[in-house]
Amino acid sequence: MGAVSGIYADKYQQLLKHLQQLALSQGGLTVAYSGGVDSAFLLAAAADALSMLSEAPPLCALTAISPSYPEWEREPARSLAQT
C-alpha cells in the first residue's frame, strides 16, 4: 500500500501494529474480501503489516459465493487481491 502520510500516518501505524499483534497471537490473519474499498484497504494493510515481520504468519483472503455477489464482480476482486 505504500507510505501513508499526513494526519492519518499515526493511525495507520497503530493499525499495522494491531494487525501484527493479532496475526502473531492467532497464527495468521483472514480477511473477508469482497473487492470493495473497505475490504481492499484492510487486506492491503494486513499485507503491509505482515510484510514487516521477519517470519510472517499466513494471510488469507476469503470471498463468499452467493446470489448477491455475481461472478462478474468476483473476477476483478480476485485480480485486485493478487496484485
Protein backbone atom coordinates (compact mmCIF):
# COMPACT_ATOMS: atom_id res chain seq x y z
CA MET A 1 0.00 0.00 0.00
CA GLY A 2 2.98 2.25 0.48
CA ALA A 3 3.66 5.01 2.95
CA VAL A 4 0.74 6.85 4.49
CA SER A 5 1.48 10.45 5.34
CA GLY A 6 -0.32 13.40 6.83
CA ILE A 7 -2.85 13.36 9.60
CA TYR A 8 -3.57 9.63 9.23
CA ALA A 9 0.03 8.35 9.39
CA ASP A 10 -0.05 7.70 13.15
CA LYS A 11 -3.42 5.94 12.96
CA TYR A 12 -2.20 3.76 10.10
CA GLN A 13 0.92 2.78 12.08
CA GLN A 14 -1.32 1.90 15.04
CA LEU A 15 -3.45 -0.26 12.74
CA LEU A 16 -0.37 -2.06 11.39
CA LYS A 17 0.90 -2.75 14.91
CA HIS A 18 -2.51 -4.08 15.96
CA LEU A 19 -2.71 -6.33 12.89
CA GLN A 20 0.80 -7.66 13.60
CA GLN A 21 -0.10 -8.45 17.20
CA LEU A 22 -3.34 -10.10 16.16
CA ALA A 23 -1.64 -12.18 13.47
CA LEU A 24 1.08 -13.35 15.84
CA SER A 25 -1.36 -14.24 18.62
CA GLN A 26 -3.74 -16.08 16.25
CA GLY A 27 -1.21 -17.68 13.91
CA GLY A 28 -2.27 -15.63 10.88
CA LEU A 29 -4.97 -13.37 9.51
CA THR A 30 -8.05 -13.99 7.42
CA VAL A 31 -9.81 -11.07 5.72
CA ALA A 32 -13.36 -11.29 4.39
CA TYR A 33 -12.69 -9.75 1.00
CA SER A 34 -15.33 -8.50 -1.44
CA GLY A 35 -13.16 -6.30 -3.64
CA GLY A 36 -14.81 -3.16 -2.31
CA VAL A 37 -12.93 -0.23 -0.83
CA ASP A 38 -13.22 -1.30 2.82
CA SER A 39 -12.07 -4.88 2.44
CA ALA A 40 -9.40 -3.94 -0.14
CA PHE A 41 -7.96 -1.40 2.31
CA LEU A 42 -7.96 -3.93 5.17
CA LEU A 43 -6.34 -6.61 3.00
CA ALA A 44 -3.63 -4.19 1.83
CA ALA A 45 -3.00 -3.02 5.41
CA ALA A 46 -2.76 -6.63 6.59
CA ALA A 47 -0.27 -7.41 3.81
CA ASP A 48 1.76 -4.30 4.78
CA ALA A 49 1.72 -5.29 8.45
CA LEU A 50 2.81 -8.87 7.84
CA SER A 51 5.49 -7.87 5.34
CA MET A 52 7.27 -6.03 8.18
CA LEU A 53 7.66 -9.20 10.25
CA SER A 54 10.76 -11.34 9.84
CA GLU A 55 8.69 -14.54 9.94
CA ALA A 56 5.22 -13.54 8.85
CA PRO A 57 2.26 -15.77 9.64
CA PRO A 58 -0.12 -16.58 6.78
CA LEU A 59 -2.59 -14.10 5.33
CA CYS A 60 -5.74 -15.42 3.68
CA ALA A 61 -8.44 -13.50 1.81
CA LEU A 62 -11.84 -15.18 1.60
CA THR A 63 -14.65 -14.28 -0.75
CA ALA A 64 -18.06 -15.86 -0.40
CA ILE A 65 -20.06 -17.03 -3.39
CA SER A 66 -23.73 -16.16 -3.20
CA PRO A 67 -26.58 -14.96 -5.40
CA SER A 68 -25.92 -11.42 -4.13
CA TYR A 69 -22.28 -11.50 -5.31
CA PRO A 70 -22.30 -12.14 -9.08
CA GLU A 71 -19.43 -13.73 -10.99
CA TRP A 72 -18.69 -10.52 -12.91
CA GLU A 73 -17.74 -8.90 -9.57
CA ARG A 74 -15.66 -11.84 -8.33
CA GLU A 75 -13.05 -11.91 -11.10
CA PRO A 76 -11.98 -8.24 -10.74
CA ALA A 77 -11.84 -8.71 -6.96
CA ARG A 78 -9.65 -11.79 -7.40
CA SER A 79 -7.30 -9.93 -9.76
CA LEU A 80 -7.01 -6.97 -7.40
CA ALA A 81 -6.21 -9.24 -4.44
CA GLN A 82 -3.41 -10.92 -6.37
CA THR A 83 -1.61 -7.64 -7.09
